[in-house]
Amino acid sequence: MGTEENRQRTIGLKQEKEYIMKKLFVVLMCVLALSGVLWAQGNAEAAKYPDRAIEFVIPGSAGGGSDILGRTITDIIQKYKLVDQTITIVNKGGGASAVSHGYVNAKTDVDYYLLTCNSANQLSMHVNKSMSPKGPFTPIANMALDDILLVSRTDGKFPDWASVEKAIKANPSSLTVGLADDLDAMALALLEEKTGTKFNPSAYFASSGEVATALLGGHMDLAILNPVECVGLVEGGRLTAIGSFAPKAMSAPFEKTPTFTALGHPDVVMQMSRSVIGPAGMSREAQLFWSDVLQKVSETQEWKVGYIQKNVLEGQYLNADDFTKFYAESEKMLLDFAKKLGIL
């Protein structure tokens, strides 16, 4: 009996040991599974976009319309802490935006780059063939519509359109007009076609800021500028806007500037969009993230008053999907118009 009892006890201990080991194994698997979930959550939080600094690329030098747009957006984002990461402004002027496009096209981490864009940049992409071989840029959000002006020095020879028209018709190509991009050239070409005039468009600069400086310095007679690019100089009495391409009368300080329609040329009408785009191949996540951030920017008083109203713009926020449609439609219109005027 003693031997049998010992054998049964041994079997019992063995079974109990196996039971305990199975329980320990189950507990260990649960711990490992929980650890895996926590690790995955931790990694997901660590990789939450954006997880590092962003570059906001400006296709122009400091002080121009695109620079003002980019810096205003960045200041508002930082003031309201709309994004956790640092945003650095990078000015890449030259080549009618081709330099900035080439800079961004060379990047592989495309979710970490933004660009200001306007109708002129859209046109230049085709004129200069500066789109990425990976595909078109990624529309993120439209922010505003901007008007176009013909501007002269207040102390110069041309206080109004009548004096310009008289001089240029008497001596074609005698007046030099400063331009900063292909849309400026298109506006001038439209003006020439519809008014039967011919200007000298040889004064081509890397940015609108340089155009304004050259005009003030007496290096040319006139310039094509947007309100945001000359509003301070007009208010200060140094420049005079002698004609507007706007579809309707503008607000102060341009309320006395006649539209070309009012001057008897109803077909001389043109506006440009101001927007933000991303590089070719930007992820949908990044596109929607920035579209949402920019909507919040457009809803602030700093944007409505400090940017739109101050710079005599028309606020027009369009989210990523709406802007994608608008971008395609406006691009087609620009290209058709450019071909008609012989720019493309």
C-alpha atoms as a PDB file:
ATOM      1  CA  MET A   1       0.000   0.000   0.000  1.00  0.00           C
ATOM      2  CA  GLY A   2       2.825   2.358   0.821  1.00  0.00           C
ATOM      3  CA  THR A   3       4.253   1.979  -2.637  1.00  0.00           C
ATOM      4  CA  GLU A   4       0.885   2.537  -4.302  1.00  0.00           C
ATOM      5  CA  GLU A   5       0.225   5.628  -2.179  1.00  0.00           C
ATOM      6  CA  ASN A   6       3.595   7.035  -3.123  1.00  0.00           C
ATOM      7  CA  ARG A   7       2.901   6.398  -6.798  1.00  0.00           C
ATOM      8  CA  GLN A   8      -0.516   8.104  -6.601  1.00  0.00           C
ATOM      9  CA  ARG A   9       0.995  11.037  -4.703  1.00  0.00           C
ATOM     10  CA  THR A  10       3.672  11.392  -7.374  1.00  0.00           C
ATOM     11  CA  ILE A  11       1.051  11.383 -10.122  1.00  0.00           C
ATOM     12  CA  GLY A  12      -0.990  13.971  -8.213  1.00  0.00           C
ATOM     13  CA  LEU A  13       2.003  16.248  -7.762  1.00  0.00           C
ATOM     14  CA  LYS A  14       2.871  15.922 -11.431  1.00  0.00           C
ATOM     15  CA  GLN A  15      -0.673  16.812 -12.499  1.00  0.00           C
ATOM     16  CA  GLU A  16      -0.767  19.746 -10.095  1.00  0.00           C
ATOM     17  CA  LYS A  17       2.563  20.978 -11.451  1.00  0.00           C
ATOM     18  CA  GLU A  18       1.279  20.717 -15.052  1.00  0.00           C
ATOM     19  CA  TYR A  19      -1.875  22.628 -14.066  1.00  0.00           C
ATOM     20  CA  ILE A  20       0.149  25.405 -12.455  1.00  0.00           C
ATOM     21  CA  MET A  21       2.431  25.601 -15.508  1.00  0.00           C
ATOM     22  CA  LYS A  22      -0.572  25.891 -17.828  1.00  0.00           C
ATOM     23  CA  LYS A  23      -1.989  28.716 -15.701  1.00  0.00           C
ATOM     24  CA  LEU A  24       1.369  30.476 -15.688  1.00  0.00           C
ATOM     25  CA  PHE A  25       1.561  30.085 -19.462  1.00  0.00           C
ATOM     26  CA  VAL A  26      -1.907  31.630 -19.890  1.00  0.00           C
ATOM     27  CA  VAL A  27      -0.999  34.521 -17.581  1.00  0.00           C
ATOM     28  CA  LEU A  28       2.276  35.044 -19.462  1.00  0.00           C
ATOM     29  CA  MET A  29       0.454  35.141 -22.809  1.00  0.00           C
ATOM     30  CA  CYS A  30      -1.996  37.693 -21.431  1.00  0.00           C
ATOM     31  CA  VAL A  31       0.841  39.871 -20.170  1.00  0.00           C
ATOM     32  CA  LEU A  32       2.599  39.666 -23.521  1.00  0.00           C
ATOM     33  CA  ALA A  33      -0.588  40.483 -25.399  1.00  0.00           C
ATOM     34  CA  LEU A  34      -1.279  43.479 -23.162  1.00  0.00           C
ATOM     35  CA  SER A  35       2.296  44.640 -23.548  1.00  0.00           C
ATOM     36  CA  GLY A  36       1.933  44.404 -27.325  1.00  0.00           C
ATOM     37  CA  VAL A  37      -1.214  46.532 -27.261  1.00  0.00           C
ATOM     38  CA  LEU A  38       0.443  49.139 -25.040  1.00  0.00           C
ATOM     39  CA  TRP A  39       3.542  49.156 -27.230  1.00  0.00           C
ATOM     40  CA  ALA A  40       1.456  49.615 -30.368  1.00  0.00           C
ATOM     41  CA  GLN A  41      -0.514  52.439 -28.762  1.00  0.00           C
ATOM     42  CA  GLY A  42       2.690  54.062 -27.614  1.00  0.00           C
ATOM     43  CA  ASN A  43       4.168  53.860 -31.094  1.00  0.00           C
ATOM     44  CA  ALA A  44       0.963  55.214 -32.636  1.00  0.00           C
ATOM     45  CA  GLU A  45       1.063  58.174 -30.270  1.00  0.00           C
ATOM     46  CA  ALA A  46       4.756  58.705 -30.929  1.00  0.00           C
ATOM     47  CA  ALA A  47       4.163  58.666 -34.693  1.00  0.00           C
ATOM     48  CA  LYS A  48       1.177  61.024 -34.635  1.00  0.00           C
ATOM     49  CA  TYR A  49       1.456  63.399 -37.601  1.00  0.00           C
ATOM     50  CA  PRO A  50       3.268  65.726 -37.723  1.00  0.00           C
ATOM     51  CA  ASP A  51       6.027  64.350 -35.543  1.00  0.00           C
ATOM     52  CA  ARG A  52       8.730  66.816 -36.604  1.00  0.00           C
ATOM     53  CA  ALA A  53       9.279  70.299 -37.961  1.00  0.00           C
ATOM     54  CA  ILE A  54       7.584  71.570 -41.132  1.00  0.00           C
ATOM     55  CA  GLU A  55       9.074  73.762 -43.861  1.00  0.00           C
ATOM     56  CA  PHE A  56       6.746  76.346 -45.396  1.00  0.00           C
ATOM     57  CA  VAL A  57       8.298  77.204 -48.763  1.00  0.00           C
ATOM     58  CA  ILE A  58       7.654  80.622 -50.301  1.00  0.00           C
ATOM     59  CA  PRO A  59       8.216  81.028 -54.081  1.00  0.00           C
ATOM     60  CA  GLY A  60       9.466  84.579 -53.654  1.00  0.00           C
ATOM     61  CA  SER A  61      11.618  86.835 -51.518  1.00  0.00           C
ATOM     62  CA  ALA A  62      10.687  88.475 -48.217  1.00  0.00           C
ATOM     63  CA  GLY A  63       8.064  91.211 -48.412  1.00  0.00           C
ATOM     64  CA  GLY A  64       6.165  89.932 -51.450  1.00  0.00           C
ATOM     65  CA  GLY A  65       2.538  88.814 -51.493  1.00  0.00           C
ATOM     66  CA  SER A  66       3.361  85.116 -51.138  1.00  0.00           C
ATOM     67  CA  ASP A  67       5.733  85.840 -48.263  1.00  0.00           C
ATOM     68  CA  ILE A  68       3.078  87.878 -46.440  1.00  0.00           C
ATOM     69  CA  LEU A  69       0.575  85.034 -46.910  1.00  0.00           C
ATOM     70  CA  GLY A  70       2.947  82.362 -45.593  1.00  0.00           C
ATOM     71  CA  ARG A  71       4.127  84.387 -42.612  1.00  0.00           C
ATOM     72  CA  THR A  72       0.587  85.420 -41.654  1.00  0.00           C
ATOM     73  CA  ILE A  73      -0.582  81.799 -41.683  1.00  0.00           C
ATOM     74  CA  THR A  74       2.453  80.676 -39.683  1.00  0.00           C
ATOM     75  CA  ASP A  75       2.031  83.431 -37.085  1.00  0.00           C
ATOM     76  CA  ILE A  76      -1.631  82.534 -36.530  1.00  0.00           C
ATOM     77  CA  ILE A  77      -0.855  78.811 -36.251  1.00  0.00           C
ATOM     78  CA  GLN A  78       1.813  79.504 -33.659  1.00  0.00           C
ATOM     79  CA  LYS A  79      -0.278  82.034 -31.722  1.00  0.00           C
ATOM     80  CA  TYR A  80      -3.181  79.611 -31.296  1.00  0.00           C
ATOM     81  CA  LYS A  81      -0.963  76.501 -31.035  1.00  0.00           C
ATOM     82  CA  LEU A  82      -2.852  74.814 -33.877  1.00  0.00           C
ATOM     83  CA  VAL A  83       0.146  72.579 -34.601  1.00  0.00           C
ATOM     84  CA  ASP A  84       2.581  71.129 -32.053  1.00  0.00           C
ATOM     85  CA  GLN A  85       5.610  71.270 -34.327  1.00  0.00           C
ATOM     86  CA  THR A  86       7.771  74.190 -35.450  1.00  0.00           C
ATOM     87  CA  ILE A  87       7.027  75.721 -38.857  1.00  0.00           C
ATOM     88  CA  THR A  88       9.987  77.338 -40.600  1.00  0.00           C
ATOM     89  CA  ILE A  89       9.576  79.814 -43.450  1.00  0.00           C
ATOM     90  CA  VAL A  90      11.962  79.109 -46.342  1.00  0.00           C
ATOM     91  CA  ASN A  91      12.111  81.736 -49.114  1.00  0.00           C
ATOM     92  CA  LYS A  92      13.039  80.278 -52.505  1.00  0.00           C
ATOM     93  CA  GLY A  93      12.512  83.041 -55.045  1.00  0.00           C
ATOM     94  CA  GLY A  94      13.586  82.988 -58.669  1.00  0.00           C
ATOM     95  CA  GLY A  95      12.590  81.476 -61.974  1.00  0.00           C
ATOM     96  CA  ALA A  96       8.941  82.576 -61.598  1.00  0.00           C
ATOM     97  CA  SER A  97       8.519  79.981 -58.788  1.00  0.00           C
ATOM     98  CA  ALA A  98      10.587  77.301 -60.571  1.00  0.00           C
ATOM     99  CA  VAL A  99      13.308  77.466 -57.890  1.00  0.00           C
ATOM    100  CA  SER A 100      10.853  76.743 -55.077  1.00  0.00           C
ATOM    101  CA  HIS A 101       9.193  73.958 -57.058  1.00  0.00           C
ATOM    102  CA  GLY A 102      12.531  72.328 -57.812  1.00  0.00           C
ATOM    103  CA  TYR A 103      13.497  72.535 -54.134  1.00  0.00           C
ATOM    104  CA  VAL A 104      10.331  70.756 -53.002  1.00  0.00           C
ATOM    105  CA  ASN A 105      10.342  68.256 -55.863  1.00  0.00           C
ATOM    106  CA  ALA A 106      13.730  66.992 -54.693  1.00  0.00           C
ATOM    107  CA  LYS A 107      12.359  66.007 -51.261  1.00  0.00           C
ATOM    108  CA  THR A 108      11.277  62.479 -50.377  1.00  0.00           C
ATOM    109  CA  ASP A 109       9.555  63.180 -47.032  1.00  0.00           C
ATOM    110  CA  VAL A 110       6.818  65.104 -48.814  1.00  0.00           C
ATOM    111  CA  ASP A 111       4.387  65.300 -45.875  1.00  0.00           C
ATOM    112  CA  TYR A 112       6.668  67.816 -44.166  1.00  0.00           C
ATOM    113  CA  TYR A 113       6.626  70.566 -46.806  1.00  0.00           C
ATOM    114  CA  LEU A 114       4.016  73.203 -47.618  1.00  0.00           C
ATOM    115  CA  LEU A 115       4.059  75.843 -50.364  1.00  0.00           C
ATOM    116  CA  THR A 116       2.166  79.036 -50.894  1.00  0.00           C
ATOM    117  CA  CYS A 117       0.561  79.114 -54.307  1.00  0.00           C
ATOM    118  CA  ASN A 118      -1.318  81.567 -56.472  1.00  0.00           C
ATOM    119  CA  SER A 119      -2.668  81.674 -59.997  1.00  0.00           C
ATOM    120  CA  ALA A 120       0.698  82.921 -61.258  1.00  0.00           C
ATOM    121  CA  ASN A 121       2.472  79.906 -59.760  1.00  0.00           C
ATOM    122  CA  GLN A 122      -0.105  77.602 -61.354  1.00  0.00           C
ATOM    123  CA  LEU A 123       0.631  79.086 -64.742  1.00  0.00           C
ATOM    124  CA  SER A 124       4.400  79.081 -64.191  1.00  0.00           C
ATOM    125  CA  MET A 125       4.389  75.349 -63.465  1.00  0.00           C
ATOM    126  CA  HIS A 126       3.452  74.825 -67.105  1.00  0.00           C
ATOM    127  CA  VAL A 127       5.473  77.654 -68.639  1.00  0.00           C
ATOM    128  CA  ASN A 128       8.638  76.556 -66.792  1.00  0.00           C
ATOM    129  CA  LYS A 129       7.748  72.852 -66.685  1.00  0.00           C
ATOM    130  CA  SER A 130       8.527  72.830 -62.969  1.00  0.00           C
ATOM    131  CA  MET A 131       6.051  70.185 -61.838  1.00  0.00           C
ATOM    132  CA  SER A 132       7.432  67.020 -60.296  1.00  0.00           C
ATOM    133  CA  PRO A 133       7.860  63.909 -62.460  1.00  0.00           C
ATOM    134  CA  LYS A 134       5.964  62.166 -59.647  1.00  0.00           C
ATOM    135  CA  GLY A 135       2.810  64.059 -60.567  1.00  0.00           C
ATOM    136  CA  PRO A 136       0.961  67.319 -59.830  1.00  0.00           C
ATOM    137  CA  PHE A 137       1.219  69.260 -56.596  1.00  0.00           C
ATOM    138  CA  THR A 138      -1.330  68.428 -53.877  1.00  0.00           C
ATOM    139  CA  PRO A 139      -4.111  71.034 -53.375  1.00  0.00           C
ATOM    140  CA  ILE A 140      -4.638  71.690 -49.647  1.00  0.00           C
ATOM    141  CA  ALA A 141      -6.757  74.849 -49.234  1.00  0.00           C
ATOM    142  CA  ASN A 142      -7.639  78.058 -50.998  1.00  0.00           C
ATOM    143  CA  MET A 143      -7.454  81.062 -48.679  1.00  0.00           C
ATOM    144  CA  ALA A 144      -8.356  84.222 -50.621  1.00  0.00           C
ATOM    145  CA  LEU A 145      -8.933  85.951 -53.943  1.00  0.00           C
ATOM    146  CA  ASP A 146      -6.676  88.857 -54.865  1.00  0.00           C
ATOM    147  CA  ASP A 147      -7.110  91.695 -57.351  1.00  0.00           C
ATOM    148  CA  ILE A 148      -4.564  93.047 -59.833  1.00  0.00           C
ATOM    149  CA  LEU A 149      -3.531  96.683 -60.284  1.00  0.00           C
ATOM    150  CA  LEU A 150      -1.615  98.871 -62.718  1.00  0.00           C
ATOM    151  CA  VAL A 151       0.505 101.150 -60.535  1.00  0.00           C
ATOM    152  CA  SER A 152       2.667 104.252 -61.070  1.00  0.00           C
ATOM    153  CA  ARG A 153       4.863 106.496 -58.896  1.00  0.00           C
ATOM    154  CA  THR A 154       2.839 109.269 -57.350  1.00  0.00           C
ATOM    155  CA  ASP A 155       5.580 111.778 -58.221  1.00  0.00           C
ATOM    156  CA  GLY A 156       5.980 110.393 -61.748  1.00  0.00           C
ATOM    157  CA  LYS A 157       4.611 111.377 -65.151  1.00  0.00           C
ATOM    158  CA  PHE A 158       1.507 109.192 -65.111  1.00  0.00           C
ATOM    159  CA  PRO A 159      -1.168 110.117 -62.563  1.00  0.00           C
ATOM    160  CA  ASP A 160      -3.938 108.223 -64.381  1.00  0.00           C
ATOM    161  CA  TRP A 161      -4.738 105.790 -67.195  1.00  0.00           C
ATOM    162  CA  ALA A 162      -5.524 108.600 -69.644  1.00  0.00           C
ATOM    163  CA  SER A 163      -1.947 109.921 -69.445  1.00  0.00           C
ATOM    164  CA  VAL A 164      -0.550 106.389 -69.900  1.00  0.00           C
ATOM    165  CA  GLU A 165      -2.812 105.638 -72.871  1.00  0.00           C
ATOM    166  CA  LYS A 166      -1.902 108.914 -74.569  1.00  0.00           C
ATOM    167  CA  ALA A 167       1.850 108.334 -74.174  1.00  0.00           C
ATOM    168  CA  ILE A 168       1.887 104.672 -75.188  1.00  0.00           C
ATOM    169  CA  LYS A 169      -0.288 105.147 -78.260  1.00  0.00           C
ATOM    170  CA  ALA A 170       1.896 108.036 -79.404  1.00  0.00           C
ATOM    171  CA  ASN A 171       5.049 105.955 -78.912  1.00  0.00           C
ATOM    172  CA  PRO A 172       4.404 102.166 -78.639  1.00  0.00           C
ATOM    173  CA  SER A 173       6.726 100.155 -76.367  1.00  0.00           C
ATOM    174  CA  SER A 174       8.097 103.357 -74.829  1.00  0.00           C
ATOM    175  CA  LEU A 175       6.814 102.635 -71.307  1.00  0.00           C
ATOM    176  CA  THR A 176       8.405  99.880 -69.226  1.00  0.00           C
ATOM    177  CA  VAL A 177       6.169  97.826 -66.942  1.00  0.00           C
ATOM    178  CA  GLY A 178       7.599  95.852 -63.999  1.00  0.00           C
ATOM    179  CA  LEU A 179       6.476  92.224 -63.700  1.00  0.00           C
ATOM    180  CA  ALA A 180       7.175  89.477 -61.146  1.00  0.00           C
ATOM    181  CA  ASP A 181       5.561  86.394 -62.676  1.00  0.00           C
ATOM    182  CA  ASP A 182       3.692  84.922 -65.620  1.00  0.00           C
ATOM    183  CA  LEU A 183       0.293  86.059 -64.363  1.00  0.00           C
ATOM    184  CA  ASP A 184       1.557  89.650 -64.344  1.00  0.00           C
ATOM    185  CA  ALA A 185       2.653  89.092 -67.949  1.00  0.00           C
ATOM    186  CA  MET A 186      -0.779  87.659 -68.757  1.00  0.00           C
ATOM    187  CA  ALA A 187      -2.529  90.657 -67.175  1.00  0.00           C
ATOM    188  CA  LEU A 188      -0.377  93.032 -69.210  1.00  0.00           C
ATOM    189  CA  ALA A 189      -1.016  91.036 -72.388  1.00  0.00           C
ATOM    190  CA  LEU A 190      -4.762  91.181 -71.714  1.00  0.00           C
ATOM    191  CA  LEU A 191      -4.547  94.942 -71.177  1.00  0.00           C
ATOM    192  CA  GLU A 192      -2.620  95.376 -74.423  1.00  0.00           C
ATOM    193  CA  GLU A 193      -5.018  93.229 -76.434  1.00  0.00           C
ATOM    194  CA  LYS A 194      -8.171  94.927 -75.184  1.00  0.00           C
ATOM    195  CA  THR A 195      -6.886  98.518 -75.254  1.00  0.00           C
ATOM    196  CA  GLY A 196      -4.835  98.406 -78.454  1.00  0.00           C
ATOM    197  CA  THR A 197      -1.596  99.320 -76.680  1.00  0.00           C
ATOM    198  CA  LYS A 198       1.948  97.931 -76.605  1.00  0.00           C
ATOM    199  CA  PHE A 199       4.218  98.207 -73.545  1.00  0.00           C
ATOM    200  CA  ASN A 200       7.811  97.180 -72.833  1.00  0.00           C
ATOM    201  CA  PRO A 201       7.621  94.147 -70.506  1.00  0.00           C
ATOM    202  CA  SER A 202      11.385  93.677 -70.133  1.00  0.00           C
ATOM    203  CA  ALA A 203      11.535  94.615 -66.419  1.00  0.00           C
ATOM    204  CA  TYR A 204      11.084  91.114 -64.968  1.00  0.00           C
ATOM    205  CA  PHE A 205      11.923  90.537 -61.296  1.00  0.00           C
ATOM    206  CA  ALA A 206      12.097  87.610 -58.860  1.00  0.00           C
ATOM    207  CA  SER A 207       9.382  89.000 -56.583  1.00  0.00           C
ATOM    208  CA  SER A 208       6.779  91.746 -56.319  1.00  0.00           C
ATOM    209  CA  GLY A 209       8.778  93.347 -53.526  1.00  0.00           C
ATOM    210  CA  GLU A 210      11.637  93.905 -55.970  1.00  0.00           C
ATOM    211  CA  VAL A 211       9.191  95.293 -58.543  1.00  0.00           C
ATOM    212  CA  ALA A 212       7.863  97.882 -56.078  1.00  0.00           C
ATOM    213  CA  THR A 213      11.394  98.875 -55.057  1.00  0.00           C
ATOM    214  CA  ALA A 214      12.474  99.313 -58.680  1.00  0.00           C
ATOM    215  CA  LEU A 215       9.375 101.374 -59.474  1.00  0.00           C
ATOM    216  CA  LEU A 216      10.031 103.670 -56.510  1.00  0.00           C
ATOM    217  CA  GLY A 217      13.633 104.025 -57.653  1.00  0.00           C
ATOM    218  CA  GLY A 218      12.549 105.293 -61.062  1.00  0.00           C
ATOM    219  CA  HIS A 219      13.902 102.271 -62.961  1.00  0.00           C
ATOM    220  CA  MET A 220      10.623 101.806 -64.845  1.00  0.00           C
ATOM    221  CA  ASP A 221       7.400 103.651 -65.542  1.00  0.00           C
ATOM    222  CA  LEU A 222       4.657 101.333 -64.290  1.00  0.00           C
ATOM    223  CA  ALA A 223       4.146  98.025 -62.517  1.00  0.00           C
ATOM    224  CA  ILE A 224       1.623  95.224 -62.200  1.00  0.00           C
ATOM    225  CA  LEU A 225       1.045  94.593 -58.481  1.00  0.00           C
ATOM    226  CA  ASN A 226      -1.562  93.090 -56.167  1.00  0.00           C
ATOM    227  CA  PRO A 227      -3.099  95.248 -53.423  1.00  0.00           C
ATOM    228  CA  VAL A 228      -1.275  93.313 -50.694  1.00  0.00           C
ATOM    229  CA  GLU A 229       2.011  94.159 -52.419  1.00  0.00           C
ATOM    230  CA  CYS A 230       1.500  97.926 -52.504  1.00  0.00           C
ATOM    231  CA  VAL A 231      -1.199  98.886 -49.997  1.00  0.00           C
ATOM    232  CA  GLY A 232       1.255 100.503 -47.580  1.00  0.00           C
ATOM    233  CA  LEU A 233       2.951 102.463 -50.348  1.00  0.00           C
ATOM    234  CA  VAL A 234      -0.390 103.663 -51.682  1.00  0.00           C
ATOM    235  CA  GLU A 235      -1.541 104.690 -48.213  1.00  0.00           C
ATOM    236  CA  GLY A 236       1.784 106.460 -47.728  1.00  0.00           C
ATOM    237  CA  GLY A 237       1.316 108.435 -50.939  1.00  0.00           C
ATOM    238  CA  ARG A 238       4.338 106.998 -52.727  1.00  0.00           C
ATOM    239  CA  LEU A 239       2.504 104.896 -55.327  1.00  0.00           C
ATOM    240  CA  THR A 240      -0.778 105.438 -57.162  1.00  0.00           C
ATOM    241  CA  ALA A 241      -3.028 102.665 -58.459  1.00  0.00           C
ATOM    242  CA  ILE A 242      -4.254 104.037 -61.799  1.00  0.00           C
ATOM    243  CA  GLY A 243      -6.318 101.061 -62.954  1.00  0.00           C
ATOM    244  CA  SER A 244      -7.826  97.893 -61.486  1.00  0.00           C
ATOM    245  CA  PHE A 245      -8.466  94.549 -63.189  1.00  0.00           C
ATOM    246  CA  ALA A 246     -11.110  93.828 -60.507  1.00  0.00           C
ATOM    247  CA  PRO A 247     -14.671  92.921 -61.522  1.00  0.00           C
ATOM    248  CA  LYS A 248     -16.071  95.651 -59.230  1.00  0.00           C
ATOM    249  CA  ALA A 249     -14.973  98.775 -57.371  1.00  0.00           C
ATOM    250  CA  MET A 250     -12.459  98.123 -54.601  1.00  0.00           C
ATOM    251  CA  SER A 251     -12.468  99.223 -50.962  1.00  0.00           C
ATOM    252  CA  ALA A 252     -10.130 101.693 -49.236  1.00  0.00           C
ATOM    253  CA  PRO A 253      -7.436 102.729 -49.895  1.00  0.00           C
ATOM    254  CA  PHE A 254      -8.256 101.811 -53.498  1.00  0.00           C
ATOM    255  CA  GLU A 255     -11.792 103.177 -53.548  1.00  0.00           C
ATOM    256  CA  LYS A 256     -10.742 105.950 -55.961  1.00  0.00           C
ATOM    257  CA  THR A 257      -8.960 103.541 -58.318  1.00  0.00           C
ATOM    258  CA  PRO A 258     -11.150 103.033 -61.406  1.00  0.00           C
ATOM    259  CA  THR A 259     -11.658  99.555 -62.765  1.00  0.00           C
ATOM    260  CA  PHE A 260     -10.707  99.115 -66.408  1.00  0.00           C
ATOM    261  CA  THR A 261     -14.372  98.317 -66.962  1.00  0.00           C
ATOM    262  CA  ALA A 262     -15.237 101.818 -65.702  1.00  0.00           C
ATOM    263  CA  LEU A 263     -12.534 103.208 -67.994  1.00  0.00           C
ATOM    264  CA  GLY A 264     -14.316 101.738 -70.997  1.00  0.00           C
ATOM    265  CA  HIS A 265     -12.618  98.340 -71.245  1.00  0.00           C
ATOM    266  CA  PRO A 266     -15.103  95.773 -69.836  1.00  0.00           C
ATOM    267  CA  ASP A 267     -13.035  92.770 -70.954  1.00  0.00           C
ATOM    268  CA  VAL A 268     -10.004  93.758 -68.869  1.00  0.00           C
ATOM    269  CA  VAL A 269     -10.940  91.717 -65.794  1.00  0.00           C
ATOM    270  CA  MET A 270      -8.690  89.299 -63.906  1.00  0.00           C
ATOM    271  CA  GLN A 271      -8.262  88.018 -60.334  1.00  0.00           C
ATOM    272  CA  MET A 272      -5.882  85.538 -58.737  1.00  0.00           C
ATOM    273  CA  SER A 273      -6.263  82.968 -55.985  1.00  0.00           C
ATOM    274  CA  ARG A 274      -3.983  82.679 -52.951  1.00  0.00           C
ATOM    275  CA  SER A 275      -3.686  79.191 -51.573  1.00  0.00           C
ATOM    276  CA  VAL A 276      -1.550  76.501 -49.945  1.00  0.00           C
ATOM    277  CA  ILE A 277      -0.441  73.317 -51.693  1.00  0.00           C
ATOM    278  CA  GLY A 278       1.733  70.326 -50.875  1.00  0.00           C
ATOM    279  CA  PRO A 279       4.306  68.408 -52.905  1.00  0.00           C
ATOM    280  CA  ALA A 280       3.355  65.661 -55.335  1.00  0.00           C
ATOM    281  CA  GLY A 281       2.605  62.460 -53.465  1.00  0.00           C
ATOM    282  CA  MET A 282       1.579  64.057 -50.159  1.00  0.00           C
ATOM    283  CA  SER A 283      -0.478  61.586 -48.135  1.00  0.00           C
ATOM    284  CA  ARG A 284      -4.219  62.009 -47.723  1.00  0.00           C
ATOM    285  CA  GLU A 285      -3.682  62.188 -43.955  1.00  0.00           C
ATOM    286  CA  ALA A 286      -1.331  65.153 -44.281  1.00  0.00           C
ATOM    287  CA  GLN A 287      -3.524  66.865 -46.879  1.00  0.00           C
ATOM    288  CA  LEU A 288      -6.619  66.710 -44.642  1.00  0.00           C
ATOM    289  CA  PHE A 289      -4.628  67.643 -41.526  1.00  0.00           C
ATOM    290  CA  TRP A 290      -3.420  70.902 -43.070  1.00  0.00           C
ATOM    291  CA  SER A 291      -6.773  71.622 -44.709  1.00  0.00           C
ATOM    292  CA  ASP A 292      -8.355  71.501 -41.248  1.00  0.00           C
ATOM    293  CA  VAL A 293      -5.619  73.663 -39.710  1.00  0.00           C
ATOM    294  CA  LEU A 294      -6.037  76.277 -42.441  1.00  0.00           C
ATOM    295  CA  GLN A 295      -9.788  76.380 -41.928  1.00  0.00           C
ATOM    296  CA  LYS A 296      -9.135  77.274 -38.284  1.00  0.00           C
ATOM    297  CA  VAL A 297      -6.693  79.951 -39.440  1.00  0.00           C
ATOM    298  CA  SER A 298      -9.333  81.436 -41.785  1.00  0.00           C
ATOM    299  CA  GLU A 299     -11.818  81.731 -38.902  1.00  0.00           C
ATOM    300  CA  THR A 300      -9.599  83.937 -36.697  1.00  0.00           C
ATOM    301  CA  GLN A 301      -9.908  87.704 -36.408  1.00  0.00           C
ATOM    302  CA  GLU A 302      -6.222  87.999 -37.172  1.00  0.00           C
ATOM    303  CA  TRP A 303      -6.941  86.486 -40.563  1.00  0.00           C
ATOM    304  CA  LYS A 304     -10.223  88.255 -41.319  1.00  0.00           C
ATOM    305  CA  VAL A 305      -9.089  91.711 -40.205  1.00  0.00           C
ATOM    306  CA  GLY A 306      -5.298  91.572 -40.020  1.00  0.00           C
ATOM    307  CA  TYR A 307      -4.843  89.899 -43.405  1.00  0.00           C
ATOM    308  CA  ILE A 308      -7.992  89.935 -45.574  1.00  0.00           C
ATOM    309  CA  GLN A 309      -9.323  93.377 -44.670  1.00  0.00           C
ATOM    310  CA  LYS A 310      -5.925  95.020 -44.212  1.00  0.00           C
ATOM    311  CA  ASN A 311      -4.660  93.856 -47.599  1.00  0.00           C
ATOM    312  CA  VAL A 312      -7.928  94.455 -49.486  1.00  0.00           C
ATOM    313  CA  LEU A 313      -8.498  90.791 -50.304  1.00  0.00           C
ATOM    314  CA  GLU A 314     -11.633  88.704 -50.681  1.00  0.00           C
ATOM    315  CA  GLY A 315     -11.735  85.877 -48.158  1.00  0.00           C
ATOM    316  CA  GLN A 316     -12.469  82.536 -49.786  1.00  0.00           C
ATOM    317  CA  TYR A 317     -11.538  79.420 -47.822  1.00  0.00           C
ATOM    318  CA  LEU A 318     -12.002  76.142 -49.706  1.00  0.00           C
ATOM    319  CA  ASN A 319     -11.176  72.807 -48.080  1.00  0.00           C
ATOM    320  CA  ALA A 320      -8.978  70.181 -49.718  1.00  0.00           C
ATOM    321  CA  ASP A 321     -11.715  68.518 -51.762  1.00  0.00           C
ATOM    322  CA  ASP A 322     -13.433  71.731 -52.876  1.00  0.00           C
ATOM    323  CA  PHE A 323     -10.102  73.345 -53.643  1.00  0.00           C
ATOM    324  CA  THR A 324      -9.010  70.345 -55.714  1.00  0.00           C
ATOM    325  CA  LYS A 325     -11.996  70.961 -58.016  1.00  0.00           C
ATOM    326  CA  PHE A 326     -11.424  74.725 -58.068  1.00  0.00           C
ATOM    327  CA  TYR A 327      -7.706  74.200 -58.733  1.00  0.00           C
ATOM    328  CA  ALA A 328      -8.376  71.993 -61.758  1.00  0.00           C
ATOM    329  CA  GLU A 329     -10.986  74.366 -63.189  1.00  0.00           C
ATOM    330  CA  SER A 330      -8.882  77.508 -62.694  1.00  0.00           C
ATOM    331  CA  GLU A 331      -5.807  75.780 -64.115  1.00  0.00           C
ATOM    332  CA  LYS A 332      -7.693  74.893 -67.304  1.00  0.00           C
ATOM    333  CA  MET A 333      -8.984  78.460 -67.617  1.00  0.00           C
ATOM    334  CA  LEU A 334      -5.483  79.910 -67.095  1.00  0.00           C
ATOM    335  CA  LEU A 335      -3.894  77.604 -69.656  1.00  0.00           C
ATOM    336  CA  ASP A 336      -6.595  78.272 -72.249  1.00  0.00           C
ATOM    337  CA  PHE A 337      -6.231  82.004 -71.690  1.00  0.00           C
ATOM    338  CA  ALA A 338      -2.428  81.848 -71.819  1.00  0.00           C
ATOM    339  CA  LYS A 339      -2.533  79.983 -75.134  1.00  0.00           C
ATOM    340  CA  LYS A 340      -4.946  82.530 -76.547  1.00  0.00           C
ATOM    341  CA  LEU A 341      -2.616  85.377 -75.575  1.00  0.00           C
ATOM    342  CA  GLY A 342       0.460  83.561 -76.859  1.00  0.00           C
ATOM    343  CA  ILE A 343       2.126  83.109 -73.462  1.00  0.00           C
ATOM    344  CA  LEU A 344       2.079  79.307 -73.811  1.00  0.00           C
END
